[in-house]
Amino acid sequence: MGKKVLVASGCSFTFEDWNWPTFVAKEYGLDLINVGMSGQGNGLISKKVIYQVSKLLKTMDPEDIMVGVMWSGIDRDEFYVHNYPYIKGKDTRNNVDGWIENPTNVVDGKLDRNWLITNIGWKIPLAKLWYRHFHTDIGAMVQTLENVLRTQWFLENHNINYFMSTYLDIFGNEWVENFMKHSEVKYLYDMVNKDTFLDVDGCYEWVKGNCDHTFAFPSSGPDDRMGNHPTEYGHQKFAEQIIIPHIKQNLNVNNT
């Protein structure tokens, strides 16, 4: 029997080597496949989990795979593009700061990167067009819930142990409460297996309420004391006090 694996997916709250997946993998002696990426939305978070797990299942038994997902903001999107154009000599694929690999890919080994991500605060032409004319809160929540359900159904169909959380409280904060009961949203949310979610509002909220001085800018390093992302200490405590107890109570996973 080979070594067991943790597949982790999420955004900037997940992708660093000092984020929560590292501590969970270490606790259970698991190899870590971290497909998180700063700035990516829930569509890519879901796609990457499904791809990685489907690939692992070709050589591994389901009981040797565990999945952890930390969902991101509903106002993040991705588009499949081919030869995305340059405009006025500028690479319009990148965020204005050029700090992220964009477009990105889902399938390993591809030379072409065809998934273009965009966020509501970005200044690239596609973001301005999309959020000005096409993005709606209802539509964004519907897409997020469809991604959650698709991922849950895929993992449950293959008997994969998994847990989920959110980077912020995307389902219960004051901003979303006005449309969570919308007819296009409610029936999807009602189908979500909420027992698979950690018993917190979100990672940010828990760390803010339980760990002093533990927020950093995403690129500042694991110990910086500024910004809005948990530091290594915050991630460690979140893993030790929230994720690992949830796994022990709800999943059939043994330390290796």
C-alpha atoms as a PDB file:
ATOM      1  CA  MET A   1       0.000   0.000   0.000  1.00  0.00           C
ATOM      2  CA  GLY A   2       1.388   3.394  -1.030  1.00  0.00           C
ATOM      3  CA  LYS A   3       1.272   6.558   0.959  1.00  0.00           C
ATOM      4  CA  LYS A   4      -2.079   8.305   1.332  1.00  0.00           C
ATOM      5  CA  VAL A   5      -2.792  11.718  -0.145  1.00  0.00           C
ATOM      6  CA  LEU A   6      -4.486  14.975   0.818  1.00  0.00           C
ATOM      7  CA  VAL A   7      -5.796  17.020  -2.107  1.00  0.00           C
ATOM      8  CA  ALA A   8      -6.366  20.640  -1.068  1.00  0.00           C
ATOM      9  CA  SER A   9      -7.983  23.357  -3.141  1.00  0.00           C
ATOM     10  CA  GLY A  10      -8.804  26.987  -2.497  1.00  0.00           C
ATOM     11  CA  CYS A  11      -7.546  30.528  -3.032  1.00  0.00           C
ATOM     12  CA  SER A  12      -4.861  32.562  -1.241  1.00  0.00           C
ATOM     13  CA  PHE A  13      -6.047  31.130   2.078  1.00  0.00           C
ATOM     14  CA  THR A  14      -4.890  27.699   0.857  1.00  0.00           C
ATOM     15  CA  PHE A  15      -2.036  27.811  -1.646  1.00  0.00           C
ATOM     16  CA  GLU A  16       1.027  28.733   0.434  1.00  0.00           C
ATOM     17  CA  ASP A  17       3.180  25.938   1.859  1.00  0.00           C
ATOM     18  CA  TRP A  18       2.519  27.316   5.351  1.00  0.00           C
ATOM     19  CA  ASN A  19      -1.281  27.355   5.019  1.00  0.00           C
ATOM     20  CA  TRP A  20      -3.708  24.918   6.689  1.00  0.00           C
ATOM     21  CA  PRO A  21      -3.192  21.978   4.240  1.00  0.00           C
ATOM     22  CA  THR A  22       0.414  21.573   5.352  1.00  0.00           C
ATOM     23  CA  PHE A  23      -0.571  21.078   8.990  1.00  0.00           C
ATOM     24  CA  VAL A  24      -3.384  18.655   8.146  1.00  0.00           C
ATOM     25  CA  ALA A  25      -1.125  16.587   5.884  1.00  0.00           C
ATOM     26  CA  LYS A  26       1.567  16.475   8.562  1.00  0.00           C
ATOM     27  CA  GLU A  27      -0.897  15.376  11.250  1.00  0.00           C
ATOM     28  CA  TYR A  28      -1.996  12.363   9.200  1.00  0.00           C
ATOM     29  CA  GLY A  29       1.280  11.597   7.433  1.00  0.00           C
ATOM     30  CA  LEU A  30      -0.188  12.375   4.011  1.00  0.00           C
ATOM     31  CA  ASP A  31       1.424  13.428   0.785  1.00  0.00           C
ATOM     32  CA  LEU A  32       0.033  16.846  -0.118  1.00  0.00           C
ATOM     33  CA  ILE A  33      -1.291  17.879  -3.523  1.00  0.00           C
ATOM     34  CA  ASN A  34      -2.153  21.544  -3.120  1.00  0.00           C
ATOM     35  CA  VAL A  35      -3.972  22.970  -6.158  1.00  0.00           C
ATOM     36  CA  GLY A  36      -4.897  26.229  -4.457  1.00  0.00           C
ATOM     37  CA  MET A  37      -4.080  29.474  -6.239  1.00  0.00           C
ATOM     38  CA  SER A  38      -4.306  33.062  -5.121  1.00  0.00           C
ATOM     39  CA  GLY A  39      -7.253  34.861  -6.664  1.00  0.00           C
ATOM     40  CA  GLN A  40      -9.016  31.899  -8.210  1.00  0.00           C
ATOM     41  CA  GLY A  41     -12.746  31.442  -7.835  1.00  0.00           C
ATOM     42  CA  ASN A  42     -14.960  28.529  -6.974  1.00  0.00           C
ATOM     43  CA  GLY A  43     -15.258  27.201 -10.498  1.00  0.00           C
ATOM     44  CA  LEU A  44     -11.537  26.504 -10.736  1.00  0.00           C
ATOM     45  CA  ILE A  45     -11.407  25.301  -7.138  1.00  0.00           C
ATOM     46  CA  SER A  46     -13.981  22.654  -8.050  1.00  0.00           C
ATOM     47  CA  LYS A  47     -12.482  21.760 -11.437  1.00  0.00           C
ATOM     48  CA  LYS A  48      -9.030  21.199  -9.955  1.00  0.00           C
ATOM     49  CA  VAL A  49     -10.341  18.902  -7.207  1.00  0.00           C
ATOM     50  CA  ILE A  50     -12.309  16.793  -9.661  1.00  0.00           C
ATOM     51  CA  TYR A  51      -9.390  16.531 -12.076  1.00  0.00           C
ATOM     52  CA  GLN A  52      -6.806  15.633  -9.421  1.00  0.00           C
ATOM     53  CA  VAL A  53      -9.003  13.061  -7.703  1.00  0.00           C
ATOM     54  CA  SER A  54     -10.036  11.436 -10.984  1.00  0.00           C
ATOM     55  CA  LYS A  55      -6.354  11.126 -11.870  1.00  0.00           C
ATOM     56  CA  LEU A  56      -5.462   9.631  -8.471  1.00  0.00           C
ATOM     57  CA  LEU A  57      -8.272   7.092  -8.672  1.00  0.00           C
ATOM     58  CA  LYS A  58      -6.539   5.474 -11.633  1.00  0.00           C
ATOM     59  CA  THR A  59      -3.786   4.215  -9.316  1.00  0.00           C
ATOM     60  CA  MET A  60      -5.141   4.613  -5.763  1.00  0.00           C
ATOM     61  CA  ASP A  61      -8.010   3.284  -3.689  1.00  0.00           C
ATOM     62  CA  PRO A  62     -10.623   5.842  -2.567  1.00  0.00           C
ATOM     63  CA  GLU A  63      -9.848   5.241   1.106  1.00  0.00           C
ATOM     64  CA  ASP A  64      -6.279   6.455   0.501  1.00  0.00           C
ATOM     65  CA  ILE A  65      -7.463   9.895  -0.651  1.00  0.00           C
ATOM     66  CA  MET A  66      -8.713  12.778   1.487  1.00  0.00           C
ATOM     67  CA  VAL A  67      -9.893  16.123   0.098  1.00  0.00           C
ATOM     68  CA  GLY A  68     -10.066  19.520   1.783  1.00  0.00           C
ATOM     69  CA  VAL A  69     -11.733  22.474   0.071  1.00  0.00           C
ATOM     70  CA  MET A  70     -11.817  26.080   1.227  1.00  0.00           C
ATOM     71  CA  TRP A  71     -14.274  27.947  -1.001  1.00  0.00           C
ATOM     72  CA  SER A  72     -13.530  31.491  -2.094  1.00  0.00           C
ATOM     73  CA  GLY A  73     -15.559  34.591  -2.979  1.00  0.00           C
ATOM     74  CA  ILE A  74     -18.601  34.324  -5.214  1.00  0.00           C
ATOM     75  CA  ASP A  75     -17.491  37.388  -7.217  1.00  0.00           C
ATOM     76  CA  ARG A  76     -14.534  35.576  -8.798  1.00  0.00           C
ATOM     77  CA  ASP A  77     -14.941  34.065 -12.252  1.00  0.00           C
ATOM     78  CA  GLU A  78     -13.023  32.107 -14.852  1.00  0.00           C
ATOM     79  CA  PHE A  79     -13.358  31.856 -18.624  1.00  0.00           C
ATOM     80  CA  TYR A  80     -11.942  29.323 -21.042  1.00  0.00           C
ATOM     81  CA  VAL A  81      -9.987  31.263 -23.648  1.00  0.00           C
ATOM     82  CA  HIS A  82      -7.837  30.506 -26.689  1.00  0.00           C
ATOM     83  CA  ASN A  83      -5.076  32.898 -27.776  1.00  0.00           C
ATOM     84  CA  TYR A  84      -6.513  35.653 -25.592  1.00  0.00           C
ATOM     85  CA  PRO A  85      -5.602  38.924 -27.339  1.00  0.00           C
ATOM     86  CA  TYR A  86      -3.158  41.627 -26.424  1.00  0.00           C
ATOM     87  CA  ILE A  87      -4.594  45.155 -26.421  1.00  0.00           C
ATOM     88  CA  LYS A  88      -2.449  48.203 -27.200  1.00  0.00           C
ATOM     89  CA  GLY A  89       0.726  46.260 -26.519  1.00  0.00           C
ATOM     90  CA  LYS A  90      -0.339  45.188 -23.034  1.00  0.00           C
ATOM     91  CA  ASP A  91      -0.843  41.652 -21.853  1.00  0.00           C
ATOM     92  CA  THR A  92      -4.535  41.874 -20.954  1.00  0.00           C
ATOM     93  CA  ARG A  93      -4.464  38.410 -19.419  1.00  0.00           C
ATOM     94  CA  ASN A  94      -2.798  39.599 -16.233  1.00  0.00           C
ATOM     95  CA  ASN A  95      -4.112  41.489 -13.265  1.00  0.00           C
ATOM     96  CA  VAL A  96      -2.907  45.072 -13.216  1.00  0.00           C
ATOM     97  CA  ASP A  97      -0.073  44.186 -10.834  1.00  0.00           C
ATOM     98  CA  GLY A  98       1.043  41.129 -12.827  1.00  0.00           C
ATOM     99  CA  TRP A  99       1.470  39.148  -9.600  1.00  0.00           C
ATOM    100  CA  ILE A 100      -0.396  36.016 -10.595  1.00  0.00           C
ATOM    101  CA  GLU A 101      -0.122  33.359 -13.307  1.00  0.00           C
ATOM    102  CA  ASN A 102      -3.118  34.152 -15.476  1.00  0.00           C
ATOM    103  CA  PRO A 103      -4.375  32.358 -17.515  1.00  0.00           C
ATOM    104  CA  THR A 104      -3.848  29.172 -15.540  1.00  0.00           C
ATOM    105  CA  ASN A 105      -4.603  25.525 -16.237  1.00  0.00           C
ATOM    106  CA  VAL A 106      -6.529  22.655 -14.691  1.00  0.00           C
ATOM    107  CA  VAL A 107      -4.931  19.692 -16.466  1.00  0.00           C
ATOM    108  CA  ASP A 108      -1.309  18.903 -15.539  1.00  0.00           C
ATOM    109  CA  GLY A 109       1.345  19.104 -18.210  1.00  0.00           C
ATOM    110  CA  LYS A 110      -0.534  21.333 -20.631  1.00  0.00           C
ATOM    111  CA  LEU A 111       1.650  23.852 -22.422  1.00  0.00           C
ATOM    112  CA  ASP A 112      -1.321  26.099 -23.113  1.00  0.00           C
ATOM    113  CA  ARG A 113      -2.950  27.807 -20.158  1.00  0.00           C
ATOM    114  CA  ASN A 114      -6.532  28.517 -21.081  1.00  0.00           C
ATOM    115  CA  TRP A 115      -8.429  29.392 -17.906  1.00  0.00           C
ATOM    116  CA  LEU A 116      -8.504  33.153 -17.479  1.00  0.00           C
ATOM    117  CA  ILE A 117      -9.478  34.298 -13.998  1.00  0.00           C
ATOM    118  CA  THR A 118     -10.967  37.645 -13.106  1.00  0.00           C
ATOM    119  CA  ASN A 119     -11.959  39.406  -9.901  1.00  0.00           C
ATOM    120  CA  ILE A 120     -14.355  42.258  -9.315  1.00  0.00           C
ATOM    121  CA  GLY A 121     -11.636  44.722  -8.317  1.00  0.00           C
ATOM    122  CA  TRP A 122      -9.293  44.074 -11.253  1.00  0.00           C
ATOM    123  CA  LYS A 123      -8.714  46.626 -13.993  1.00  0.00           C
ATOM    124  CA  ILE A 124      -8.149  44.362 -16.993  1.00  0.00           C
ATOM    125  CA  PRO A 125     -10.629  44.968 -19.858  1.00  0.00           C
ATOM    126  CA  LEU A 126     -12.428  41.644 -19.400  1.00  0.00           C
ATOM    127  CA  ALA A 127     -13.070  42.343 -15.705  1.00  0.00           C
ATOM    128  CA  LYS A 128     -14.435  45.808 -16.433  1.00  0.00           C
ATOM    129  CA  LEU A 129     -16.751  44.428 -19.123  1.00  0.00           C
ATOM    130  CA  TRP A 130     -17.945  41.414 -17.148  1.00  0.00           C
ATOM    131  CA  TYR A 131     -18.689  43.097 -13.845  1.00  0.00           C
ATOM    132  CA  ARG A 132     -20.242  46.168 -15.415  1.00  0.00           C
ATOM    133  CA  HIS A 133     -22.643  44.387 -17.771  1.00  0.00           C
ATOM    134  CA  PHE A 134     -23.050  40.684 -16.914  1.00  0.00           C
ATOM    135  CA  HIS A 135     -22.212  39.819 -13.294  1.00  0.00           C
ATOM    136  CA  THR A 136     -25.091  39.583 -10.786  1.00  0.00           C
ATOM    137  CA  ASP A 137     -25.044  38.519  -7.143  1.00  0.00           C
ATOM    138  CA  ILE A 138     -27.793  35.942  -7.692  1.00  0.00           C
ATOM    139  CA  GLY A 139     -26.033  34.414 -10.669  1.00  0.00           C
ATOM    140  CA  ALA A 140     -22.719  34.339  -8.822  1.00  0.00           C
ATOM    141  CA  MET A 141     -24.226  32.561  -5.816  1.00  0.00           C
ATOM    142  CA  VAL A 142     -25.988  30.059  -8.080  1.00  0.00           C
ATOM    143  CA  GLN A 143     -22.663  29.255  -9.761  1.00  0.00           C
ATOM    144  CA  THR A 144     -20.896  28.845  -6.417  1.00  0.00           C
ATOM    145  CA  LEU A 145     -23.563  26.501  -5.064  1.00  0.00           C
ATOM    146  CA  GLU A 146     -23.498  24.473  -8.278  1.00  0.00           C
ATOM    147  CA  ASN A 147     -19.725  24.127  -7.852  1.00  0.00           C
ATOM    148  CA  VAL A 148     -20.126  23.032  -4.240  1.00  0.00           C
ATOM    149  CA  LEU A 149     -22.791  20.474  -5.144  1.00  0.00           C
ATOM    150  CA  ARG A 150     -20.910  19.134  -8.151  1.00  0.00           C
ATOM    151  CA  THR A 151     -17.809  18.627  -6.007  1.00  0.00           C
ATOM    152  CA  GLN A 152     -19.741  16.988  -3.165  1.00  0.00           C
ATOM    153  CA  TRP A 153     -21.620  14.645  -5.475  1.00  0.00           C
ATOM    154  CA  PHE A 154     -18.416  13.658  -7.284  1.00  0.00           C
ATOM    155  CA  LEU A 155     -16.547  12.910  -4.052  1.00  0.00           C
ATOM    156  CA  GLU A 156     -19.456  11.066  -2.458  1.00  0.00           C
ATOM    157  CA  ASN A 157     -20.019   9.027  -5.614  1.00  0.00           C
ATOM    158  CA  HIS A 158     -16.401   7.839  -5.378  1.00  0.00           C
ATOM    159  CA  ASN A 159     -16.464   7.321  -1.585  1.00  0.00           C
ATOM    160  CA  ILE A 160     -13.803   9.951  -0.931  1.00  0.00           C
ATOM    161  CA  ASN A 161     -13.336  11.371   2.570  1.00  0.00           C
ATOM    162  CA  TYR A 162     -13.615  15.150   2.418  1.00  0.00           C
ATOM    163  CA  PHE A 163     -14.268  18.314   4.385  1.00  0.00           C
ATOM    164  CA  MET A 164     -15.122  21.850   3.314  1.00  0.00           C
ATOM    165  CA  SER A 165     -14.982  25.378   4.634  1.00  0.00           C
ATOM    166  CA  THR A 166     -14.979  28.939   3.315  1.00  0.00           C
ATOM    167  CA  TYR A 167     -12.268  31.553   3.397  1.00  0.00           C
ATOM    168  CA  LEU A 168     -14.828  34.138   4.530  1.00  0.00           C
ATOM    169  CA  ASP A 169     -18.425  33.687   5.584  1.00  0.00           C
ATOM    170  CA  ILE A 170     -19.811  33.674   2.034  1.00  0.00           C
ATOM    171  CA  PHE A 171     -23.163  32.085   2.951  1.00  0.00           C
ATOM    172  CA  GLY A 172     -24.180  33.942   6.097  1.00  0.00           C
ATOM    173  CA  ASN A 173     -22.836  37.481   6.061  1.00  0.00           C
ATOM    174  CA  GLU A 174     -25.028  40.569   5.860  1.00  0.00           C
ATOM    175  CA  TRP A 175     -24.247  41.072   2.173  1.00  0.00           C
ATOM    176  CA  VAL A 176     -25.718  37.731   1.048  1.00  0.00           C
ATOM    177  CA  GLU A 177     -28.586  37.310   3.510  1.00  0.00           C
ATOM    178  CA  ASN A 178     -30.938  39.276   1.239  1.00  0.00           C
ATOM    179  CA  PHE A 179     -30.671  36.794  -1.605  1.00  0.00           C
ATOM    180  CA  MET A 180     -29.988  33.432   0.088  1.00  0.00           C
ATOM    181  CA  LYS A 181     -33.778  32.906   0.187  1.00  0.00           C
ATOM    182  CA  HIS A 182     -34.171  33.743  -3.500  1.00  0.00           C
ATOM    183  CA  SER A 183     -35.937  30.927  -5.375  1.00  0.00           C
ATOM    184  CA  GLU A 184     -32.953  30.428  -7.719  1.00  0.00           C
ATOM    185  CA  VAL A 185     -30.602  30.117  -4.749  1.00  0.00           C
ATOM    186  CA  LYS A 186     -32.527  28.444  -1.923  1.00  0.00           C
ATOM    187  CA  TYR A 187     -33.227  25.072  -3.550  1.00  0.00           C
ATOM    188  CA  LEU A 188     -29.516  24.679  -4.326  1.00  0.00           C
ATOM    189  CA  TYR A 189     -28.398  25.690  -0.843  1.00  0.00           C
ATOM    190  CA  ASP A 190     -30.913  23.276   0.669  1.00  0.00           C
ATOM    191  CA  MET A 191     -29.206  20.397  -1.184  1.00  0.00           C
ATOM    192  CA  VAL A 192     -25.711  21.190   0.129  1.00  0.00           C
ATOM    193  CA  ASN A 193     -24.422  18.570   2.572  1.00  0.00           C
ATOM    194  CA  LYS A 194     -23.671  20.991   5.381  1.00  0.00           C
ATOM    195  CA  ASP A 195     -22.364  18.220   7.657  1.00  0.00           C
ATOM    196  CA  THR A 196     -19.208  18.193   5.539  1.00  0.00           C
ATOM    197  CA  PHE A 197     -18.481  21.844   6.401  1.00  0.00           C
ATOM    198  CA  LEU A 198     -16.359  22.875   9.361  1.00  0.00           C
ATOM    199  CA  ASP A 199     -18.310  24.349  12.247  1.00  0.00           C
ATOM    200  CA  VAL A 200     -17.137  27.934  11.673  1.00  0.00           C
ATOM    201  CA  ASP A 201     -18.465  30.919   9.749  1.00  0.00           C
ATOM    202  CA  GLY A 202     -15.227  31.106   7.781  1.00  0.00           C
ATOM    203  CA  CYS A 203     -11.482  30.778   8.239  1.00  0.00           C
ATOM    204  CA  TYR A 204     -10.988  34.542   8.438  1.00  0.00           C
ATOM    205  CA  GLU A 205     -13.706  35.008  11.055  1.00  0.00           C
ATOM    206  CA  TRP A 206     -12.410  32.187  13.243  1.00  0.00           C
ATOM    207  CA  VAL A 207      -8.793  33.342  13.135  1.00  0.00           C
ATOM    208  CA  LYS A 208      -9.828  36.934  13.803  1.00  0.00           C
ATOM    209  CA  GLY A 209     -11.851  35.888  16.838  1.00  0.00           C
ATOM    210  CA  ASN A 210      -9.400  33.383  18.285  1.00  0.00           C
ATOM    211  CA  CYS A 211      -5.840  34.381  17.356  1.00  0.00           C
ATOM    212  CA  ASP A 212      -4.332  37.782  18.129  1.00  0.00           C
ATOM    213  CA  HIS A 213      -2.177  39.597  15.562  1.00  0.00           C
ATOM    214  CA  THR A 214      -2.274  36.828  12.991  1.00  0.00           C
ATOM    215  CA  PHE A 215      -3.025  38.468   9.658  1.00  0.00           C
ATOM    216  CA  ALA A 216      -0.610  39.080   6.802  1.00  0.00           C
ATOM    217  CA  PHE A 217      -0.572  40.270   3.234  1.00  0.00           C
ATOM    218  CA  PRO A 218      -0.606  37.190   0.979  1.00  0.00           C
ATOM    219  CA  SER A 219       2.898  37.807  -0.348  1.00  0.00           C
ATOM    220  CA  SER A 220       4.513  39.028   2.861  1.00  0.00           C
ATOM    221  CA  GLY A 221       5.481  35.679   4.300  1.00  0.00           C
ATOM    222  CA  PRO A 222       4.209  33.411   7.050  1.00  0.00           C
ATOM    223  CA  ASP A 223       5.073  35.637  10.005  1.00  0.00           C
ATOM    224  CA  ASP A 224       4.258  39.175   8.866  1.00  0.00           C
ATOM    225  CA  ARG A 225       1.790  40.912  11.169  1.00  0.00           C
ATOM    226  CA  MET A 226      -0.091  43.028   8.630  1.00  0.00           C
ATOM    227  CA  GLY A 227      -2.873  42.496   6.112  1.00  0.00           C
ATOM    228  CA  ASN A 228      -5.988  40.320   5.893  1.00  0.00           C
ATOM    229  CA  HIS A 229      -4.681  36.769   5.444  1.00  0.00           C
ATOM    230  CA  PRO A 230      -3.916  34.437   8.363  1.00  0.00           C
ATOM    231  CA  THR A 231      -0.245  34.023   9.166  1.00  0.00           C
ATOM    232  CA  GLU A 232       1.342  30.605   9.605  1.00  0.00           C
ATOM    233  CA  TYR A 233       0.389  30.696  13.292  1.00  0.00           C
ATOM    234  CA  GLY A 234      -3.247  31.404  12.425  1.00  0.00           C
ATOM    235  CA  HIS A 235      -3.326  28.580   9.894  1.00  0.00           C
ATOM    236  CA  GLN A 236      -1.712  26.188  12.359  1.00  0.00           C
ATOM    237  CA  LYS A 237      -4.261  26.979  15.051  1.00  0.00           C
ATOM    238  CA  PHE A 238      -7.136  26.711  12.560  1.00  0.00           C
ATOM    239  CA  ALA A 239      -5.888  23.286  11.504  1.00  0.00           C
ATOM    240  CA  GLU A 240      -5.269  22.058  15.056  1.00  0.00           C
ATOM    241  CA  GLN A 241      -8.433  23.381  16.691  1.00  0.00           C
ATOM    242  CA  ILE A 242     -10.986  23.198  13.865  1.00  0.00           C
ATOM    243  CA  ILE A 243      -9.999  20.966  10.938  1.00  0.00           C
ATOM    244  CA  ILE A 244      -8.309  18.068  12.711  1.00  0.00           C
ATOM    245  CA  PRO A 245     -11.045  17.675  15.371  1.00  0.00           C
ATOM    246  CA  HIS A 246     -13.641  17.707  12.561  1.00  0.00           C
ATOM    247  CA  ILE A 247     -11.753  14.953  10.733  1.00  0.00           C
ATOM    248  CA  LYS A 248     -11.451  12.844  13.884  1.00  0.00           C
ATOM    249  CA  GLN A 249     -15.147  13.190  14.639  1.00  0.00           C
ATOM    250  CA  ASN A 250     -16.608  12.847  11.156  1.00  0.00           C
ATOM    251  CA  LEU A 251     -14.211  11.030   8.829  1.00  0.00           C
ATOM    252  CA  ASN A 252     -12.803   7.527   8.796  1.00  0.00           C
ATOM    253  CA  VAL A 253      -9.176   8.607   8.622  1.00  0.00           C
ATOM    254  CA  ASN A 254      -6.300   7.181  10.639  1.00  0.00           C
ATOM    255  CA  ASN A 255      -2.828   8.612  11.206  1.00  0.00           C
ATOM    256  CA  THR A 256      -0.296   6.793   9.061  1.00  0.00           C
END
